[in-house]
C-alpha atoms as a PDB file:
ATOM      1  CA  MET A   1      82.276 106.852  83.569  1.00  0.00           C
ATOM      2  CA  GLU A   2      80.385 104.751  80.718  1.00  0.00           C
ATOM      3  CA  ARG A   3      80.795 101.187  81.202  1.00  0.00           C
ATOM      4  CA  LEU A   4      79.776  99.832  84.493  1.00  0.00           C
ATOM      5  CA  TRP A   5      80.432  96.922  87.152  1.00  0.00           C
ATOM      6  CA  PHE A   6      77.787  97.161  90.161  1.00  0.00           C
ATOM      7  CA  ILE A   7      78.985  95.614  93.384  1.00  0.00           C
ATOM      8  CA  THR A   8      76.518  95.321  96.506  1.00  0.00           C
ATOM      9  CA  ASN A   9      75.540  93.554  99.646  1.00  0.00           C
ATOM     10  CA  PRO A  10      72.362  93.149  98.877  1.00  0.00           C
ATOM     11  CA  GLY A  11      71.579  91.526 102.439  1.00  0.00           C
ATOM     12  CA  SER A  12      72.941  94.363 104.036  1.00  0.00           C
ATOM     13  CA  GLY A  13      70.250  96.020 105.735  1.00  0.00           C
ATOM     14  CA  SER A  14      70.882  99.740 104.163  1.00  0.00           C
ATOM     15  CA  THR A  15      71.721  98.009 100.774  1.00  0.00           C
ATOM     16  CA  THR A  16      68.665  96.105 100.005  1.00  0.00           C
ATOM     17  CA  ARG A  17      67.674  94.376  96.604  1.00  0.00           C
ATOM     18  CA  ALA A  18      65.467  97.009  95.553  1.00  0.00           C
ATOM     19  CA  LYS A  19      67.560 100.091  96.390  1.00  0.00           C
ATOM     20  CA  CYS A  20      70.386  97.962  94.700  1.00  0.00           C
ATOM     21  CA  ASN A  21      67.752  97.936  91.310  1.00  0.00           C
ATOM     22  CA  ALA A  22      66.961 101.305  91.788  1.00  0.00           C
ATOM     23  CA  LEU A  23      70.318 102.247  90.952  1.00  0.00           C
ATOM     24  CA  GLU A  24      70.615  99.760  88.003  1.00  0.00           C
ATOM     25  CA  GLY A  25      67.331 102.337  87.096  1.00  0.00           C
ATOM     26  CA  VAL A  26      69.534 105.577  87.417  1.00  0.00           C
ATOM     27  CA  PHE A  27      72.388 103.983  85.237  1.00  0.00           C
ATOM     28  CA  ALA A  28      69.901 103.433  82.438  1.00  0.00           C
ATOM     29  CA  GLU A  29      68.684 106.502  82.678  1.00  0.00           C
ATOM     30  CA  ARG A  30      72.064 108.234  82.494  1.00  0.00           C
ATOM     31  CA  GLY A  31      72.590 106.288  79.094  1.00  0.00           C
ATOM     32  CA  LEU A  32      75.102 104.175  81.517  1.00  0.00           C
ATOM     33  CA  THR A  33      75.774 100.750  80.526  1.00  0.00           C
ATOM     34  CA  LEU A  34      75.774  97.726  83.476  1.00  0.00           C
ATOM     35  CA  VAL A  35      78.188  95.289  82.336  1.00  0.00           C
ATOM     36  CA  GLY A  36      77.802  92.980  85.376  1.00  0.00           C
ATOM     37  CA  ARG A  37      76.905  92.954  88.736  1.00  0.00           C
ATOM     38  CA  THR A  38      78.216  91.218  91.535  1.00  0.00           C
ATOM     39  CA  GLU A  39      76.476  90.058  95.392  1.00  0.00           C
ATOM     40  CA  PHE A  40      78.691  90.158  97.902  1.00  0.00           C
ATOM     41  CA  PRO A  41      79.479  88.050  99.620  1.00  0.00           C
ATOM     42  CA  GLU A  42      77.126  85.316  97.922  1.00  0.00           C
ATOM     43  CA  GLN A  43      79.173  85.665  94.691  1.00  0.00           C
ATOM     44  CA  LYS A  44      83.498  86.096  94.128  1.00  0.00           C
ATOM     45  CA  MET A  45      84.919  89.686  93.478  1.00  0.00           C
ATOM     46  CA  PRO A  46      85.580  89.616  89.892  1.00  0.00           C
ATOM     47  CA  ALA A  47      89.450  89.887  88.184  1.00  0.00           C
ATOM     48  CA  GLY A  48      90.600  92.747  87.126  1.00  0.00           C
ATOM     49  CA  ALA A  49      91.094  90.539  84.163  1.00  0.00           C
ATOM     50  CA  ASP A  50      87.477  90.029  83.396  1.00  0.00           C
ATOM     51  CA  LEU A  51      86.511  93.818  83.910  1.00  0.00           C
ATOM     52  CA  ASP A  52      89.401  94.756  81.320  1.00  0.00           C
ATOM     53  CA  ARG A  53      88.421  91.839  79.032  1.00  0.00           C
ATOM     54  CA  ASP A  54      84.349  93.318  79.129  1.00  0.00           C
ATOM     55  CA  GLY A  55      85.216  96.983  78.827  1.00  0.00           C
ATOM     56  CA  VAL A  56      84.766  98.183  81.924  1.00  0.00           C
ATOM     57  CA  ASP A  57      85.938 101.477  82.832  1.00  0.00           C
ATOM     58  CA  THR A  58      84.550 101.910  86.316  1.00  0.00           C
ATOM     59  CA  VAL A  59      83.412  99.798  89.253  1.00  0.00           C
ATOM     60  CA  VAL A  60      80.534 101.580  91.391  1.00  0.00           C
ATOM     61  CA  LEU A  61      80.482 100.083  95.032  1.00  0.00           C
ATOM     62  CA  PHE A  62      76.860 100.507  96.934  1.00  0.00           C
ATOM     63  CA  ALA A  63      78.064  98.594 100.450  1.00  0.00           C
ATOM     64  CA  GLY A  64      79.374  99.109 103.947  1.00  0.00           C
ATOM     65  CA  ASP A  65      83.383  99.551 104.671  1.00  0.00           C
ATOM     66  CA  GLY A  66      83.898  95.383 104.826  1.00  0.00           C
ATOM     67  CA  THR A  67      82.441  95.017 101.212  1.00  0.00           C
ATOM     68  CA  ILE A  68      84.081  98.330 100.191  1.00  0.00           C
ATOM     69  CA  ASN A  69      87.622  96.890 101.220  1.00  0.00           C
ATOM     70  CA  ALA A  70      86.978  93.824  99.888  1.00  0.00           C
ATOM     71  CA  ALA A  71      86.754  95.054  96.701  1.00  0.00           C
ATOM     72  CA  LEU A  72      89.645  97.350  96.799  1.00  0.00           C
ATOM     73  CA  SER A  73      91.621  94.789  98.073  1.00  0.00           C
ATOM     74  CA  ALA A  74      90.548  92.342  95.253  1.00  0.00           C
ATOM     75  CA  LEU A  75      91.291  95.020  92.456  1.00  0.00           C
ATOM     76  CA  ARG A  76      93.969  96.997  93.557  1.00  0.00           C
ATOM     77  CA  ALA A  77      95.491  96.006  90.744  1.00  0.00           C
ATOM     78  CA  TRP A  78      93.017  97.084  88.564  1.00  0.00           C
ATOM     79  CA  GLU A  79      93.769 100.215  86.626  1.00  0.00           C
ATOM     80  CA  GLY A  80      90.070 101.609  86.506  1.00  0.00           C
ATOM     81  CA  SER A  81      88.261 103.978  88.855  1.00  0.00           C
ATOM     82  CA  PHE A  82      85.911 103.529  91.343  1.00  0.00           C
ATOM     83  CA  LEU A  83      82.498 105.206  92.348  1.00  0.00           C
ATOM     84  CA  ILE A  84      81.849 104.721  95.967  1.00  0.00           C
ATOM     85  CA  LEU A  85      77.948 105.422  96.778  1.00  0.00           C
ATOM     86  CA  PRO A  86      77.030 105.749 100.482  1.00  0.00           C
ATOM     87  CA  GLY A  87      75.799 102.035 101.603  1.00  0.00           C
ATOM     88  CA  GLY A  88      77.043 101.883 105.270  1.00  0.00           C
ATOM     89  CA  THR A  89      76.623 103.179 108.856  1.00  0.00           C
ATOM     90  CA  MET A  90      79.145 105.880 108.783  1.00  0.00           C
ATOM     91  CA  ASN A  91      80.041 106.034 104.886  1.00  0.00           C
ATOM     92  CA  LEU A  92      83.005 108.115 106.160  1.00  0.00           C
ATOM     93  CA  LEU A  93      84.236 107.370 102.435  1.00  0.00           C
ATOM     94  CA  ALA A  94      81.532 108.576 101.088  1.00  0.00           C
ATOM     95  CA  LYS A  95      81.692 111.459 103.174  1.00  0.00           C
ATOM     96  CA  SER A  96      84.931 112.579 101.825  1.00  0.00           C
ATOM     97  CA  LEU A  97      84.899 112.043  98.224  1.00  0.00           C
ATOM     98  CA  HIS A  98      81.272 113.638  97.855  1.00  0.00           C
ATOM     99  CA  ASP A  99      78.580 116.506  98.807  1.00  0.00           C
ATOM    100  CA  THR A 100      75.564 114.589  99.281  1.00  0.00           C
ATOM    101  CA  LEU A 101      74.551 110.986 100.520  1.00  0.00           C
ATOM    102  CA  ASP A 102      71.836 110.256  98.107  1.00  0.00           C
ATOM    103  CA  PRO A 103      73.448 107.776  95.850  1.00  0.00           C
ATOM    104  CA  ARG A 104      71.195 108.666  92.724  1.00  0.00           C
ATOM    105  CA  ALA A 105      72.463 112.385  92.826  1.00  0.00           C
ATOM    106  CA  ILE A 106      76.426 110.885  93.051  1.00  0.00           C
ATOM    107  CA  VAL A 107      75.636 108.839  90.414  1.00  0.00           C
ATOM    108  CA  GLN A 108      74.384 112.017  88.390  1.00  0.00           C
ATOM    109  CA  ALA A 109      77.253 114.494  89.471  1.00  0.00           C
ATOM    110  CA  ALA A 110      80.270 111.872  88.716  1.00  0.00           C
ATOM    111  CA  HIS A 111      78.490 111.432  85.043  1.00  0.00           C
ATOM    112  CA  ASP A 112      78.254 114.869  84.314  1.00  0.00           C
ATOM    113  CA  GLU A 113      81.877 115.804  86.171  1.00  0.00           C
ATOM    114  CA  ALA A 114      84.188 114.648  87.999  1.00  0.00           C
ATOM    115  CA  THR A 115      87.472 114.449  89.582  1.00  0.00           C
ATOM    116  CA  ARG A 116      89.252 111.447  90.560  1.00  0.00           C
ATOM    117  CA  ILE A 117      92.121 111.265  93.303  1.00  0.00           C
ATOM    118  CA  ALA A 118      94.041 109.220  96.069  1.00  0.00           C
ATOM    119  CA  LEU A 119      93.205 107.864  99.128  1.00  0.00           C
ATOM    120  CA  PRO A 120      95.402 107.176 102.226  1.00  0.00           C
ATOM    121  CA  TYR A 121      95.243 103.721 103.486  1.00  0.00           C
ATOM    122  CA  VAL A 122      96.453 101.943 106.760  1.00  0.00           C
ATOM    123  CA  GLN A 123      98.511  99.026 105.903  1.00  0.00           C
ATOM    124  CA  ALA A 124      99.912  95.998 107.636  1.00  0.00           C
ATOM    125  CA  ALA A 125     101.263  92.552 106.350  1.00  0.00           C
ATOM    126  CA  GLY A 126      99.458  93.440 102.910  1.00  0.00           C
ATOM    127  CA  HIS A 127      96.534  94.501 104.295  1.00  0.00           C
ATOM    128  CA  ARG A 128      94.549  98.146 103.747  1.00  0.00           C
ATOM    129  CA  ALA A 129      92.074 100.233 105.632  1.00  0.00           C
ATOM    130  CA  PHE A 130      90.878 103.208 103.845  1.00  0.00           C
ATOM    131  CA  VAL A 131      88.594 103.490 106.758  1.00  0.00           C
ATOM    132  CA  GLY A 132      90.319 102.528 109.581  1.00  0.00           C
ATOM    133  CA  LEU A 133      92.429  99.790 111.721  1.00  0.00           C
ATOM    134  CA  ILE A 134      91.367  98.793 114.921  1.00  0.00           C
ATOM    135  CA  MET A 135      93.556  96.919 117.636  1.00  0.00           C
ATOM    136  CA  GLY A 136      93.429  95.612 120.904  1.00  0.00           C
ATOM    137  CA  PRO A 137      91.267  93.880 123.362  1.00  0.00           C
ATOM    138  CA  ALA A 138      88.288  95.403 122.306  1.00  0.00           C
ATOM    139  CA  THR A 139      88.811  94.391 118.828  1.00  0.00           C
ATOM    140  CA  ALA A 140      85.809  91.307 120.257  1.00  0.00           C
ATOM    141  CA  TRP A 141      83.037  93.986 119.882  1.00  0.00           C
ATOM    142  CA  PHE A 142      82.668  93.645 116.218  1.00  0.00           C
ATOM    143  CA  ARG A 143      80.945  90.210 116.716  1.00  0.00           C
ATOM    144  CA  ALA A 144      78.383  92.250 118.636  1.00  0.00           C
ATOM    145  CA  ARG A 145      78.444  94.696 116.059  1.00  0.00           C
ATOM    146  CA  GLU A 146      77.575  92.267 113.544  1.00  0.00           C
ATOM    147  CA  ALA A 147      74.912  90.597 115.480  1.00  0.00           C
ATOM    148  CA  VAL A 148      72.983  94.015 115.973  1.00  0.00           C
ATOM    149  CA  ARG A 149      73.407  94.371 112.586  1.00  0.00           C
ATOM    150  CA  LYS A 150      71.876  91.151 111.167  1.00  0.00           C
ATOM    151  CA  GLY A 151      69.240  91.710 113.937  1.00  0.00           C
ATOM    152  CA  ALA A 152      70.371  88.312 116.307  1.00  0.00           C
ATOM    153  CA  PHE A 153      69.795  89.708 119.333  1.00  0.00           C
ATOM    154  CA  ARG A 154      70.829  86.338 121.563  1.00  0.00           C
ATOM    155  CA  ARG A 155      73.952  85.884 119.516  1.00  0.00           C
ATOM    156  CA  LEU A 156      74.188  89.665 120.144  1.00  0.00           C
ATOM    157  CA  PHE A 157      73.927  89.053 124.397  1.00  0.00           C
ATOM    158  CA  GLN A 158      76.533  86.346 123.980  1.00  0.00           C
ATOM    159  CA  ALA A 159      78.759  88.566 121.896  1.00  0.00           C
ATOM    160  CA  ALA A 160      78.575  91.034 124.397  1.00  0.00           C
ATOM    161  CA  HIS A 161      79.076  89.323 127.506  1.00  0.00           C
ATOM    162  CA  VAL A 162      82.628  88.070 125.680  1.00  0.00           C
ATOM    163  CA  ALA A 163      83.876  91.557 124.636  1.00  0.00           C
ATOM    164  CA  TRP A 164      83.371  92.758 127.657  1.00  0.00           C
ATOM    165  CA  ASN A 165      85.256  90.078 129.883  1.00  0.00           C
ATOM    166  CA  ARG A 166      88.123  90.569 127.099  1.00  0.00           C
ATOM    167  CA  THR A 167      88.134  94.229 126.826  1.00  0.00           C
ATOM    168  CA  PHE A 168      87.765  95.546 130.091  1.00  0.00           C
ATOM    169  CA  GLY A 169      88.864  91.545 131.836  1.00  0.00           C
ATOM    170  CA  GLY A 170      92.893  91.897 130.062  1.00  0.00           C
ATOM    171  CA  SER A 171      95.899  94.003 130.630  1.00  0.00           C
ATOM    172  CA  GLY A 172      94.725  95.715 127.464  1.00  0.00           C
ATOM    173  CA  ILE A 173      97.779  96.751 124.262  1.00  0.00           C
ATOM    174  CA  ARG A 174     101.199  98.619 123.975  1.00  0.00           C
ATOM    175  CA  ILE A 175     102.058 100.186 121.150  1.00  0.00           C
ATOM    176  CA  SER A 176     105.796 101.583 120.139  1.00  0.00           C
ATOM    177  CA  GLY A 177     105.882 104.739 117.842  1.00  0.00           C
ATOM    178  CA  VAL A 178     103.802 107.371 118.895  1.00  0.00           C
ATOM    179  CA  SER A 179     105.200 108.984 121.609  1.00  0.00           C
ATOM    180  CA  ALA A 180     101.917 110.252 123.419  1.00  0.00           C
ATOM    181  CA  LEU A 181     100.603 106.772 123.804  1.00  0.00           C
ATOM    182  CA  ALA A 182     102.760 104.888 126.457  1.00  0.00           C
ATOM    183  CA  GLY A 183      99.933 103.260 128.733  1.00  0.00           C
ATOM    184  CA  ARG A 184      97.978 100.098 128.116  1.00  0.00           C
ATOM    185  CA  TYR A 185      94.897 100.003 126.038  1.00  0.00           C
ATOM    186  CA  GLN A 186      91.466  98.574 125.616  1.00  0.00           C
ATOM    187  CA  ALA A 187      91.813  99.715 122.352  1.00  0.00           C
ATOM    188  CA  VAL A 188      93.590 101.527 119.501  1.00  0.00           C
ATOM    189  CA  PHE A 189      91.293 103.069 116.368  1.00  0.00           C
ATOM    190  CA  VAL A 190      93.934 104.315 113.489  1.00  0.00           C
ATOM    191  CA  ARG A 191      92.714 106.342 110.836  1.00  0.00           C
ATOM    192  CA  PRO A 192      94.701 107.282 107.462  1.00  0.00           C
ATOM    193  CA  GLU A 193      95.578 110.592 106.456  1.00  0.00           C
ATOM    194  CA  LYS A 194      97.730 111.885 104.045  1.00  0.00           C
ATOM    195  CA  GLY A 195     101.137 110.503 104.783  1.00  0.00           C
ATOM    196  CA  GLU A 196     100.536 109.666 108.400  1.00  0.00           C
ATOM    197  CA  LEU A 197      98.828 107.970 110.852  1.00  0.00           C
ATOM    198  CA  HIS A 198      96.152 109.459 113.233  1.00  0.00           C
ATOM    199  CA  VAL A 199      96.320 107.018 116.424  1.00  0.00           C
ATOM    200  CA  ALA A 200      93.310 107.300 119.099  1.00  0.00           C
ATOM    201  CA  ALA A 201      94.052 105.260 121.780  1.00  0.00           C
ATOM    202  CA  VAL A 202      91.126 104.327 124.134  1.00  0.00           C
ATOM    203  CA  ASP A 203      91.996 103.404 128.006  1.00  0.00           C
ATOM    204  CA  ALA A 204      88.316 103.220 130.291  1.00  0.00           C
ATOM    205  CA  ARG A 205      88.915 101.942 133.565  1.00  0.00           C
ATOM    206  CA  ASP A 206      85.789 103.655 135.601  1.00  0.00           C
ATOM    207  CA  TRP A 207      81.655 102.662 134.929  1.00  0.00           C
ATOM    208  CA  SER A 208      81.097 106.022 133.019  1.00  0.00           C
ATOM    209  CA  ALA A 209      83.903 105.723 130.544  1.00  0.00           C
ATOM    210  CA  ILE A 210      83.190 101.841 129.910  1.00  0.00           C
ATOM    211  CA  ALA A 211      79.243 102.265 129.689  1.00  0.00           C
ATOM    212  CA  GLN A 212      80.202 105.335 127.081  1.00  0.00           C
ATOM    213  CA  LEU A 213      82.876 103.303 125.206  1.00  0.00           C
ATOM    214  CA  GLY A 214      80.173 100.201 124.382  1.00  0.00           C
ATOM    215  CA  TRP A 215      77.397 102.483 123.380  1.00  0.00           C
ATOM    216  CA  GLU A 216      79.701 104.506 120.758  1.00  0.00           C
ATOM    217  CA  TRP A 217      81.443 101.101 119.825  1.00  0.00           C
ATOM    218  CA  LEU A 218      77.545  99.451 118.968  1.00  0.00           C
ATOM    219  CA  THR A 219      76.182 103.105 117.581  1.00  0.00           C
ATOM    220  CA  GLY A 220      78.872 104.603 115.409  1.00  0.00           C
ATOM    221  CA  ASP A 221      81.601 106.862 116.116  1.00  0.00           C
ATOM    222  CA  TRP A 222      83.047 105.017 119.505  1.00  0.00           C
ATOM    223  CA  VAL A 223      86.117 107.681 119.132  1.00  0.00           C
ATOM    224  CA  ALA A 224      83.940 110.411 120.202  1.00  0.00           C
ATOM    225  CA  ALA A 225      84.112 108.606 123.642  1.00  0.00           C
ATOM    226  CA  HIS A 226      85.797 110.579 126.620  1.00  0.00           C
ATOM    227  CA  ALA A 227      88.424 108.475 127.299  1.00  0.00           C
ATOM    228  CA  VAL A 228      90.738 108.978 124.259  1.00  0.00           C
ATOM    229  CA  SER A 229      94.339 109.679 123.731  1.00  0.00           C
ATOM    230  CA  GLU A 230      95.524 110.853 120.842  1.00  0.00           C
ATOM    231  CA  GLY A 231      98.660 110.991 118.684  1.00  0.00           C
ATOM    232  CA  LEU A 232     100.451 111.322 114.664  1.00  0.00           C
ATOM    233  CA  THR A 233     102.989 108.985 113.576  1.00  0.00           C
ATOM    234  CA  ARG A 234     104.410 107.275 110.284  1.00  0.00           C
ATOM    235  CA  GLU A 235     104.554 104.015 111.332  1.00  0.00           C
ATOM    236  CA  PHE A 236     103.854 101.890 114.746  1.00  0.00           C
ATOM    237  CA  ALA A 237     103.752  98.781 115.990  1.00  0.00           C
ATOM    238  CA  ALA A 238     101.880  96.690 118.689  1.00  0.00           C
ATOM    239  CA  ARG A 239     104.494  95.441 121.369  1.00  0.00           C
ATOM    240  CA  GLY A 240     104.292  92.180 122.907  1.00  0.00           C
ATOM    241  CA  LYS A 241     105.316  88.243 121.499  1.00  0.00           C
ATOM    242  CA  LYS A 242     101.725  87.419 121.168  1.00  0.00           C
ATOM    243  CA  PRO A 243      99.531  88.049 117.721  1.00  0.00           C
ATOM    244  CA  VAL A 244      96.861  90.701 118.001  1.00  0.00           C
ATOM    245  CA  LEU A 245      93.813  90.828 116.637  1.00  0.00           C
ATOM    246  CA  ALA A 246      93.242  93.899 114.057  1.00  0.00           C
ATOM    247  CA  LEU A 247      90.446  94.829 112.411  1.00  0.00           C
ATOM    248  CA  PHE A 248      90.738  96.199 108.595  1.00  0.00           C
ATOM    249  CA  ASP A 249      87.735  98.279 107.910  1.00  0.00           C
ATOM    250  CA  GLY A 250      85.790  96.138 110.165  1.00  0.00           C
ATOM    251  CA  GLU A 251      86.798  93.083 108.770  1.00  0.00           C
ATOM    252  CA  PRO A 252      89.241  90.851 111.678  1.00  0.00           C
ATOM    253  CA  VAL A 253      92.551  89.728 110.785  1.00  0.00           C
ATOM    254  CA  PRO A 254      95.681  88.346 112.597  1.00  0.00           C
ATOM    255  CA  LEU A 255      98.859  90.493 113.222  1.00  0.00           C
ATOM    256  CA  ALA A 256     101.709  88.841 114.025  1.00  0.00           C
ATOM    257  CA  PRO A 257     103.323  90.424 116.628  1.00  0.00           C
ATOM    258  CA  GLY A 258     105.967  93.431 115.861  1.00  0.00           C
ATOM    259  CA  THR A 259     104.067  94.172 112.591  1.00  0.00           C
ATOM    260  CA  PRO A 260     104.974  97.564 111.469  1.00  0.00           C
ATOM    261  CA  ILE A 261     101.929  99.519 110.607  1.00  0.00           C
ATOM    262  CA  THR A 262     102.107 102.122 108.121  1.00  0.00           C
ATOM    263  CA  ALA A 263     100.756 104.935 106.178  1.00  0.00           C
ATOM    264  CA  GLY A 264      99.989 104.290 102.119  1.00  0.00           C
ATOM    265  CA  ILE A 265      98.184 106.258  99.637  1.00  0.00           C
ATOM    266  CA  SER A 266      96.493 104.826  96.584  1.00  0.00           C
ATOM    267  CA  ARG A 267      96.588 105.768  92.885  1.00  0.00           C
ATOM    268  CA  LYS A 268      94.169 108.593  91.731  1.00  0.00           C
ATOM    269  CA  ALA A 269      91.336 106.229  91.188  1.00  0.00           C
ATOM    270  CA  PHE A 270      88.229 107.318  93.435  1.00  0.00           C
ATOM    271  CA  ILE A 271      85.302 109.474  91.790  1.00  0.00           C
ATOM    272  CA  ALA A 272      84.926 112.768  93.669  1.00  0.00           C
ATOM    273  CA  THR A 273      82.380 115.025  93.266  1.00  0.00           C
ATOM    274  CA  ARG A 274      82.065 117.297  96.057  1.00  0.00           C
ATOM    275  CA  GLU A 275      84.460 120.875  95.623  1.00  0.00           C
ATOM    276  CA  GLY A 276      87.604 120.671  96.550  1.00  0.00           C
ATOM    277  CA  PRO A 277      88.183 117.158  97.746  1.00  0.00           C
ATOM    278  CA  GLU A 278      90.753 116.664 100.249  1.00  0.00           C
END
């Protein structure tokens, strides 16, 4: 790790421009060369050919799940390495790769000694999710969550009202390929694991479960809600004849009916600094 391209989202509450500038100072302290910087979404993601032309060996990502997913999608054919720093709410990828959530300490450890590992992902219709995939009527809550992050409280109440009606006023989503999940659900959350998919389905019909689901969704790990059933599979699909909305690491994508959702694994491109990373 010597020549870096830095991808950030300085408009995010947790990755401010001041924090990004401070990390650039860490790069300089370690004698690392900062070749370029992308401030997403105001600037386009770099192309792999451009990174190769400039001799970049590592892309450093200091952002939330959506920005990280956009960068990994844009550079999926690039053969360099990725260093993921905790710049989001849950930081699940960073936690799986590092023992600390201190970006400065991660950069220092990555420069001294690091391992490159492969990461599993959920894939469907050319899209990938390294953190997780969400499907079903409750995907409408993503607009409410974005409003919370941006502090747009008037928009929050409007989005929450729409999401509530869609989540609990419809018939739910049904899936095939997971024998343990034969009902209709407000939401299906898919987490990638090595060689298979962990599928958690939410069926919240009573008021207490509904309240908990909404709170968990807005504040973080909604799979912790009580109204969750789980199963493992290698492949599954949504049943029905209508397209379904899916959130790939939080980014909305419509999927055609019956689109296969499968497990995938990346090449060994992700820098890990923790002991014995899985």
